[in-house]
Every structure is written in structure tokens, then in C-alpha cells.
């Protein structure tokens, strides 16, 4: 009998403890969900953001003076120890001759390909050229049409 009274008392204590933690006196705040956009609003936004803009016209490679083209190549396609031997632009064909300096990290061929990539990336910002050929003395030539 003592066991039943003890178990009942414990059950009451447990129930009272649980009921006090879920008190209804606590103030609860309700956050409003953000307003959902209507299909019409979404469509308007899409149309406004999808407006086609005219591409900017690229400057012409032929508008560059030889000295400007030399400077451009020295800044973007050459490093310390490299020497620009010759530059010419004729009817959309850009021909460049460079003597590469030594490289401890790459083979001469890989170094030439890396420098060529740098030059061609920069020249893609210009129009009116169809072919870029860079001749690396003692290594070979690379051409992109």
C-alpha cells in the first residue's frame, strides 16, 4: 500500500512539474510570414531584369598605335626577362615576336603557351583582328584564328 501511495505522489509531482513548464501565461509572439509575390509582380520583375542591352562596341585593334600595342603586350603578355622583338598588324593579322626569359617553374613550351594565353585574353577586348601569331624565338610559333 505504501508503494501505491508513493507512486501516486510521484506521478502527481511529475504531472505538476510538466504542467508548469507549459504555462499558458507565457506571451507568445507570432511573426508574420513575408508577403508572397503574385504572379503578376514576379512577371513584371522578370521582364524588367530581362531587358536586352546592346553590347558595347569593342575598340578596334587597328586604332592602337604600334607603341600602344607594344605597351599593351608588355603589360599583359610578358614578364621579367622577356623581350619584345617585333609587332605588326596587317589586315586583321597580328604578328608578334617575343624572346622569353628563363622560367624555373615551366618548360619553355608551357611557358610560351601561358604567355600566349595572356596575350590572346587581352586582345579579345579588341575587334578587327582575325589571327594572332606569336613567334617565340628558339621555341616556335603559336597561332589562333
N, C-alpha and C. Protein backbone atom coordinates (compact mmCIF):
# COMPACT_ATOMS: atom_id res chain seq x y z
N UNK A 1 0.80 -1.17 0.00
CA UNK A 1 0.00 0.00 0.00
C UNK A 1 0.86 1.26 0.00
N UNK A 2 1.94 1.22 0.76
CA UNK A 2 2.85 2.35 0.80
C UNK A 2 3.43 2.61 -0.59
N UNK A 3 3.67 1.54 -1.33
CA UNK A 3 4.24 1.67 -2.67
C UNK A 3 3.26 2.40 -3.60
N UNK A 4 1.98 2.10 -3.48
CA UNK A 4 0.97 2.71 -4.35
C UNK A 4 0.86 4.19 -4.02
N UNK A 5 0.86 4.53 -2.74
CA UNK A 5 0.78 5.94 -2.34
C UNK A 5 2.02 6.67 -2.82
N UNK A 6 3.18 6.04 -2.70
CA UNK A 6 4.43 6.68 -3.13
C UNK A 6 4.42 6.91 -4.65
N UNK A 7 4.00 5.92 -5.39
CA UNK A 7 3.96 6.03 -6.86
C UNK A 7 2.94 7.09 -7.26
N UNK A 8 1.82 7.15 -6.62
CA UNK A 8 0.80 8.16 -6.93
C UNK A 8 1.32 9.56 -6.65
N UNK A 9 2.01 9.72 -5.53
CA UNK A 9 2.56 11.04 -5.17
C UNK A 9 3.61 11.47 -6.19
N UNK A 10 4.41 10.56 -6.60
CA UNK A 10 5.44 10.87 -7.60
C UNK A 10 4.80 11.24 -8.94
N UNK A 11 3.74 10.54 -9.29
CA UNK A 11 3.04 10.84 -10.54
C UNK A 11 2.43 12.23 -10.50
N UNK A 12 1.87 12.60 -9.37
CA UNK A 12 1.30 13.94 -9.22
C UNK A 12 2.37 15.01 -9.31
N UNK A 13 3.50 14.78 -8.67
CA UNK A 13 4.61 15.73 -8.75
C UNK A 13 5.10 15.88 -10.19
N UNK A 14 5.19 14.78 -10.86
CA UNK A 14 5.65 14.80 -12.25
C UNK A 14 4.65 15.56 -13.12
N UNK A 15 3.38 15.31 -12.94
CA UNK A 15 2.37 16.00 -13.74
C UNK A 15 2.34 17.49 -13.44
N UNK A 16 2.51 17.85 -12.20
CA UNK A 16 2.51 19.27 -11.87
C UNK A 16 3.76 19.97 -12.41
N UNK A 17 4.86 19.28 -12.42
CA UNK A 17 6.09 19.86 -12.96
C UNK A 17 5.95 20.07 -14.46
N UNK A 18 5.37 19.12 -15.14
CA UNK A 18 5.18 19.24 -16.59
C UNK A 18 4.18 20.33 -16.93
N UNK A 19 3.16 20.45 -16.16
CA UNK A 19 2.14 21.45 -16.48
C UNK A 19 2.64 22.86 -16.22
N UNK A 20 3.54 23.06 -15.29
CA UNK A 20 4.04 24.41 -15.02
C UNK A 20 5.01 24.88 -16.09
N UNK A 21 5.68 23.97 -16.78
CA UNK A 21 6.61 24.39 -17.83
C UNK A 21 5.88 24.79 -19.10
N UNK A 22 4.64 24.36 -19.25
CA UNK A 22 3.86 24.74 -20.42
C UNK A 22 2.75 25.67 -20.01
N UNK A 23 3.10 26.68 -19.27
CA UNK A 23 2.12 27.64 -18.76
C UNK A 23 1.50 28.41 -19.91
N UNK A 24 0.24 28.71 -19.77
CA UNK A 24 -0.46 29.47 -20.79
C UNK A 24 -0.30 30.96 -20.57
N UNK A 25 0.36 31.34 -19.46
CA UNK A 25 0.57 32.75 -19.18
C UNK A 25 1.70 33.34 -20.04
N UNK A 26 2.55 32.48 -20.59
CA UNK A 26 3.65 32.97 -21.41
C UNK A 26 3.10 33.70 -22.62
N UNK A 27 3.70 34.82 -22.89
CA UNK A 27 3.27 35.56 -24.07
C UNK A 27 4.02 35.00 -25.27
N UNK A 28 3.30 34.67 -26.26
CA UNK A 28 3.93 34.15 -27.47
C UNK A 28 3.83 35.19 -28.55
N UNK A 29 4.88 35.30 -29.34
CA UNK A 29 4.85 36.26 -30.43
C UNK A 29 4.67 35.51 -31.74
N UNK A 30 3.88 36.08 -32.55
CA UNK A 30 3.62 35.49 -33.85
C UNK A 30 4.24 36.39 -34.89
N UNK A 31 5.14 35.83 -35.67
CA UNK A 31 5.77 36.60 -36.74
C UNK A 31 4.98 36.40 -38.01
N UNK A 32 4.77 37.49 -38.68
CA UNK A 32 4.04 37.40 -39.94
C UNK A 32 4.98 36.89 -41.01
N UNK A 33 4.47 36.00 -41.79
CA UNK A 33 5.25 35.49 -42.91
C UNK A 33 5.33 36.58 -43.96
N UNK A 34 6.47 36.65 -44.66
CA UNK A 34 6.58 37.67 -45.69
C UNK A 34 5.53 37.46 -46.78
N UNK A 35 5.08 38.56 -47.30
CA UNK A 35 4.04 38.52 -48.32
C UNK A 35 4.57 37.81 -49.55
N UNK A 36 3.78 36.89 -50.03
CA UNK A 36 4.17 36.17 -51.24
C UNK A 36 3.86 37.04 -52.43
N UNK A 37 4.77 37.01 -53.40
CA UNK A 37 4.57 37.81 -54.60
C UNK A 37 3.54 37.14 -55.49
N UNK A 38 2.75 37.94 -56.10
CA UNK A 38 1.78 37.40 -57.03
C UNK A 38 2.48 37.12 -58.35
N UNK A 39 1.83 36.34 -59.15
CA UNK A 39 2.40 36.01 -60.45
C UNK A 39 2.64 37.26 -61.28
N UNK A 40 1.74 38.22 -61.18
CA UNK A 40 1.87 39.46 -61.94
C UNK A 40 3.11 40.23 -61.51
N UNK A 41 3.37 40.29 -60.18
CA UNK A 41 4.54 41.01 -59.69
C UNK A 41 5.82 40.33 -60.14
N UNK A 42 5.84 39.00 -60.06
CA UNK A 42 7.02 38.25 -60.49
C UNK A 42 7.27 38.47 -61.97
N UNK A 43 6.23 38.43 -62.77
CA UNK A 43 6.37 38.62 -64.21
C UNK A 43 6.93 40.00 -64.52
N UNK A 44 6.46 41.03 -63.81
CA UNK A 44 6.98 42.38 -64.05
C UNK A 44 8.46 42.45 -63.74
N UNK A 45 8.87 41.84 -62.62
CA UNK A 45 10.28 41.85 -62.25
C UNK A 45 11.12 41.13 -63.30
N UNK A 46 10.65 39.96 -63.75
CA UNK A 46 11.37 39.19 -64.75
C UNK A 46 11.54 39.98 -66.03
N UNK A 47 10.48 40.65 -66.46
CA UNK A 47 10.53 41.42 -67.70
C UNK A 47 11.52 42.57 -67.56
N UNK A 48 11.49 43.25 -66.42
CA UNK A 48 12.40 44.38 -66.21
C UNK A 48 13.85 43.92 -66.17
N UNK A 49 14.12 42.76 -65.55
CA UNK A 49 15.51 42.30 -65.44
C UNK A 49 16.00 41.63 -66.72
N UNK A 50 15.08 41.23 -67.59
CA UNK A 50 15.48 40.56 -68.82
C UNK A 50 15.62 41.50 -70.00
N UNK A 51 15.62 42.79 -69.75
CA UNK A 51 15.76 43.74 -70.85
C UNK A 51 17.10 43.51 -71.53
N UNK A 52 17.08 43.48 -72.83
CA UNK A 52 18.28 43.24 -73.61
C UNK A 52 19.05 44.55 -73.74
N UNK A 53 20.30 44.50 -73.37
CA UNK A 53 21.13 45.68 -73.53
C UNK A 53 22.04 45.44 -74.73
N UNK A 54 22.27 46.47 -75.44
CA UNK A 54 23.14 46.36 -76.60
C UNK A 54 24.57 46.15 -76.13
N UNK A 55 25.29 45.23 -76.76
CA UNK A 55 26.68 45.00 -76.35
C UNK A 55 27.51 46.24 -76.68
N UNK A 56 28.47 46.48 -75.81
CA UNK A 56 29.35 47.61 -76.06
C UNK A 56 30.24 47.28 -77.26
N UNK A 57 30.48 48.27 -78.06
CA UNK A 57 31.33 48.06 -79.22
C UNK A 57 32.78 48.03 -78.77
N UNK A 58 33.47 47.01 -79.22
CA UNK A 58 34.87 46.85 -78.84
C UNK A 58 35.75 47.83 -79.62
N UNK A 59 36.79 48.33 -78.98
CA UNK A 59 37.70 49.19 -79.73
C UNK A 59 38.46 48.37 -80.78
N UNK A 60 38.81 49.02 -81.84
CA UNK A 60 39.49 48.35 -82.94
C UNK A 60 40.98 48.19 -82.63
N UNK A 61 41.51 47.03 -82.97
CA UNK A 61 42.94 46.79 -82.78
C UNK A 61 43.75 47.71 -83.68
N UNK A 62 43.16 48.06 -84.83
CA UNK A 62 43.88 48.93 -85.76
C UNK A 62 43.91 50.38 -85.28
N UNK A 63 43.04 50.71 -84.29
CA UNK A 63 43.07 52.07 -83.75
C UNK A 63 44.25 52.28 -82.81
N UNK A 64 44.85 51.17 -82.37
CA UNK A 64 46.02 51.29 -81.50
C UNK A 64 47.26 51.63 -82.32
N UNK A 65 48.03 52.55 -81.81
CA UNK A 65 49.31 52.83 -82.45
C UNK A 65 50.26 51.70 -82.08
N UNK A 66 51.31 51.54 -82.86
CA UNK A 66 52.25 50.45 -82.62
C UNK A 66 52.83 50.51 -81.21
N UNK A 67 53.15 51.72 -80.75
CA UNK A 67 53.70 51.86 -79.40
C UNK A 67 52.69 51.43 -78.34
N UNK A 68 51.40 51.76 -78.56
CA UNK A 68 50.36 51.37 -77.61
C UNK A 68 50.19 49.85 -77.57
N UNK A 69 50.25 49.23 -78.75
CA UNK A 69 50.15 47.77 -78.82
C UNK A 69 51.36 47.12 -78.14
N UNK A 70 52.53 47.68 -78.35
CA UNK A 70 53.74 47.17 -77.68
C UNK A 70 53.58 47.26 -76.16
N UNK A 71 53.12 48.41 -75.68
CA UNK A 71 52.93 48.59 -74.24
C UNK A 71 51.90 47.61 -73.69
N UNK A 72 50.81 47.43 -74.44
CA UNK A 72 49.76 46.50 -74.03
C UNK A 72 50.32 45.09 -73.89
N UNK A 73 51.09 44.66 -74.87
CA UNK A 73 51.68 43.32 -74.83
C UNK A 73 52.70 43.19 -73.70
N UNK A 74 53.49 44.24 -73.49
CA UNK A 74 54.48 44.20 -72.41
C UNK A 74 53.80 44.07 -71.05
N UNK A 75 52.66 44.74 -70.88
CA UNK A 75 51.95 44.71 -69.60
C UNK A 75 51.23 43.39 -69.36
N UNK A 76 50.71 42.78 -70.42
CA UNK A 76 49.84 41.63 -70.22
C UNK A 76 50.45 40.29 -70.64
N UNK A 77 51.34 40.28 -71.58
CA UNK A 77 51.80 39.01 -72.13
C UNK A 77 53.28 38.77 -71.94
N UNK A 78 53.90 39.62 -71.16
CA UNK A 78 55.34 39.47 -70.97
C UNK A 78 55.68 39.64 -69.51
N UNK A 79 56.76 39.04 -69.12
CA UNK A 79 57.22 39.15 -67.75
C UNK A 79 58.66 39.62 -67.71
N UNK A 80 59.20 39.57 -66.52
CA UNK A 80 60.58 40.00 -66.32
C UNK A 80 61.52 39.09 -67.12
N UNK A 81 62.38 39.69 -67.85
CA UNK A 81 63.33 38.94 -68.66
C UNK A 81 62.88 38.67 -70.07
N UNK A 82 61.60 38.93 -70.39
CA UNK A 82 61.10 38.75 -71.75
C UNK A 82 61.43 39.98 -72.58
N UNK A 83 61.63 39.75 -73.87
CA UNK A 83 61.97 40.86 -74.77
C UNK A 83 61.05 40.84 -75.98
N UNK A 84 60.40 41.98 -76.24
CA UNK A 84 59.51 42.12 -77.39
C UNK A 84 60.38 42.46 -78.59
N UNK A 85 60.43 41.55 -79.56
CA UNK A 85 61.29 41.72 -80.71
C UNK A 85 60.59 42.50 -81.82
N UNK A 86 59.32 42.13 -82.14
CA UNK A 86 58.62 42.76 -83.25
C UNK A 86 57.11 42.67 -83.05
N UNK A 87 56.40 43.68 -83.56
CA UNK A 87 54.93 43.71 -83.54
C UNK A 87 54.47 44.29 -84.86
N UNK A 88 53.47 43.64 -85.47
CA UNK A 88 52.86 44.21 -86.68
C UNK A 88 51.40 43.80 -86.77
N UNK A 89 50.60 44.71 -87.31
CA UNK A 89 49.18 44.46 -87.55
C UNK A 89 48.93 44.77 -89.01
N UNK A 90 48.43 43.76 -89.75
CA UNK A 90 48.18 43.96 -91.16
C UNK A 90 46.92 43.19 -91.56
N UNK A 91 45.88 43.92 -91.97
CA UNK A 91 44.63 43.32 -92.44
C UNK A 91 44.07 42.28 -91.48
N UNK A 92 44.01 42.64 -90.22
CA UNK A 92 43.43 41.75 -89.22
C UNK A 92 44.34 40.66 -88.70
N UNK A 93 45.58 40.69 -89.11
CA UNK A 93 46.54 39.69 -88.67
C UNK A 93 47.57 40.36 -87.76
N UNK A 94 47.61 39.90 -86.52
CA UNK A 94 48.55 40.44 -85.55
C UNK A 94 49.71 39.46 -85.44
N UNK A 95 50.90 39.94 -85.75
CA UNK A 95 52.10 39.12 -85.67
C UNK A 95 53.04 39.73 -84.64
N UNK A 96 53.49 38.90 -83.73
CA UNK A 96 54.35 39.34 -82.63
C UNK A 96 55.52 38.38 -82.53
N UNK A 97 56.67 38.92 -82.21
CA UNK A 97 57.85 38.09 -81.94
C UNK A 97 58.37 38.45 -80.56
N UNK A 98 58.55 37.43 -79.73
CA UNK A 98 58.99 37.63 -78.34
C UNK A 98 60.11 36.65 -78.03
N UNK A 99 61.10 37.14 -77.32
CA UNK A 99 62.14 36.27 -76.78
C UNK A 99 61.84 36.13 -75.29
N UNK A 100 61.50 34.90 -74.89
CA UNK A 100 61.14 34.66 -73.49
C UNK A 100 62.37 34.58 -72.60
N UNK A 101 62.23 35.11 -71.42
CA UNK A 101 63.27 34.97 -70.41
C UNK A 101 63.19 33.58 -69.80
N UNK A 102 64.13 33.26 -68.95
CA UNK A 102 64.14 31.92 -68.34
C UNK A 102 62.99 31.74 -67.34
N UNK A 103 62.53 30.50 -67.22
CA UNK A 103 61.49 30.16 -66.26
C UNK A 103 61.92 28.93 -65.48
N UNK A 104 61.88 29.03 -64.17
CA UNK A 104 62.24 27.90 -63.33
C UNK A 104 61.08 26.95 -63.11
N UNK A 105 59.86 27.44 -63.32
CA UNK A 105 58.67 26.65 -62.99
C UNK A 105 58.14 25.82 -64.15
N UNK A 106 58.27 26.31 -65.38
CA UNK A 106 57.66 25.65 -66.53
C UNK A 106 58.70 25.36 -67.60
N UNK A 107 58.37 24.38 -68.45
CA UNK A 107 59.22 24.15 -69.62
C UNK A 107 59.05 25.34 -70.56
N UNK A 108 59.96 25.50 -71.49
CA UNK A 108 59.88 26.62 -72.43
C UNK A 108 58.56 26.60 -73.21
N UNK A 109 58.14 25.41 -73.65
CA UNK A 109 56.90 25.29 -74.43
C UNK A 109 55.69 25.68 -73.58
N UNK A 110 55.62 25.19 -72.35
CA UNK A 110 54.49 25.52 -71.47
C UNK A 110 54.48 27.01 -71.12
N UNK A 111 55.67 27.55 -70.96
CA UNK A 111 55.79 28.97 -70.64
C UNK A 111 55.29 29.80 -71.83
N UNK A 112 55.64 29.39 -73.05
CA UNK A 112 55.18 30.10 -74.24
C UNK A 112 53.65 30.03 -74.36
N UNK A 113 53.07 28.87 -74.10
CA UNK A 113 51.60 28.71 -74.18
C UNK A 113 50.93 29.61 -73.13
N UNK A 114 51.49 29.68 -71.95
CA UNK A 114 50.93 30.53 -70.90
C UNK A 114 50.97 32.00 -71.31
N UNK A 115 52.09 32.44 -71.82
CA UNK A 115 52.21 33.84 -72.25
C UNK A 115 51.29 34.13 -73.43
N UNK A 116 51.15 33.16 -74.34
CA UNK A 116 50.25 33.35 -75.48
C UNK A 116 48.81 33.51 -75.00
N UNK A 117 48.43 32.69 -74.05
CA UNK A 117 47.08 32.77 -73.49
C UNK A 117 46.83 34.14 -72.88
N UNK A 118 47.80 34.68 -72.17
CA UNK A 118 47.65 36.00 -71.57
C UNK A 118 47.46 37.07 -72.65
N UNK A 119 48.24 36.98 -73.72
CA UNK A 119 48.13 37.96 -74.81
C UNK A 119 46.78 37.86 -75.51
N UNK A 120 46.37 36.64 -75.82
CA UNK A 120 45.10 36.48 -76.55
C UNK A 120 43.92 36.90 -75.68
N UNK A 121 43.97 36.63 -74.39
CA UNK A 121 42.89 37.08 -73.50
C UNK A 121 42.75 38.60 -73.55
N UNK A 122 43.84 39.29 -73.55
CA UNK A 122 43.80 40.75 -73.58
C UNK A 122 43.31 41.25 -74.94
N UNK A 123 43.74 40.63 -76.01
CA UNK A 123 43.34 41.08 -77.34
C UNK A 123 41.89 40.77 -77.67
N UNK A 124 41.26 39.87 -76.91
CA UNK A 124 39.84 39.60 -77.13
C UNK A 124 38.98 40.82 -76.80
N UNK A 125 39.56 41.80 -76.12
CA UNK A 125 38.85 43.04 -75.83
C UNK A 125 38.90 44.01 -76.99
N UNK A 126 39.45 43.60 -78.12
CA UNK A 126 39.57 44.46 -79.30
C UNK A 126 38.94 43.74 -80.50
N UNK A 127 38.48 44.55 -81.45
CA UNK A 127 37.91 43.98 -82.66
C UNK A 127 38.88 44.16 -83.82
N UNK A 128 38.47 43.71 -84.97
CA UNK A 128 39.22 43.89 -86.24
C UNK A 128 40.50 43.07 -86.31
N UNK A 129 40.56 41.97 -85.62
CA UNK A 129 41.69 41.07 -85.85
C UNK A 129 41.14 39.66 -85.98
N UNK A 130 41.72 38.91 -86.89
CA UNK A 130 41.26 37.56 -87.19
C UNK A 130 42.25 36.50 -86.75
N UNK A 131 43.51 36.90 -86.68
CA UNK A 131 44.54 35.91 -86.38
C UNK A 131 45.62 36.54 -85.51
N UNK A 132 46.01 35.79 -84.48
CA UNK A 132 47.13 36.22 -83.63
C UNK A 132 48.21 35.16 -83.73
N UNK A 133 49.38 35.58 -84.17
CA UNK A 133 50.53 34.68 -84.23
C UNK A 133 51.64 35.28 -83.38
N UNK A 134 52.10 34.51 -82.43
CA UNK A 134 53.24 34.93 -81.63
C UNK A 134 54.35 33.92 -81.86
N UNK A 135 55.48 34.43 -82.30
CA UNK A 135 56.65 33.60 -82.51
C UNK A 135 57.59 33.80 -81.33
N UNK A 136 57.89 32.72 -80.66
CA UNK A 136 58.82 32.76 -79.54
C UNK A 136 60.16 32.25 -80.05
N UNK A 137 61.16 33.12 -80.01
CA UNK A 137 62.46 32.75 -80.56
C UNK A 137 63.01 31.54 -79.81
N UNK A 138 63.57 30.64 -80.55
CA UNK A 138 64.17 29.39 -80.06
C UNK A 138 63.13 28.39 -79.52
N UNK A 139 61.83 28.68 -79.67
CA UNK A 139 60.79 27.76 -79.18
C UNK A 139 59.84 27.38 -80.30
N UNK A 140 59.25 28.38 -80.97
CA UNK A 140 58.30 28.11 -82.04
C UNK A 140 57.21 29.16 -82.10
N UNK A 141 56.19 28.92 -82.92
CA UNK A 141 55.09 29.87 -83.12
C UNK A 141 53.78 29.26 -82.65
N UNK A 142 52.90 30.15 -82.17
CA UNK A 142 51.54 29.75 -81.81
C UNK A 142 50.61 30.70 -82.54
N UNK A 143 49.57 30.12 -83.19
CA UNK A 143 48.62 30.93 -83.97
C UNK A 143 47.20 30.57 -83.56
N UNK A 144 46.38 31.60 -83.45
CA UNK A 144 44.95 31.40 -83.19
C UNK A 144 44.19 32.20 -84.22
N UNK A 145 43.27 31.53 -84.91
CA UNK A 145 42.41 32.21 -85.88
C UNK A 145 41.11 32.59 -85.25
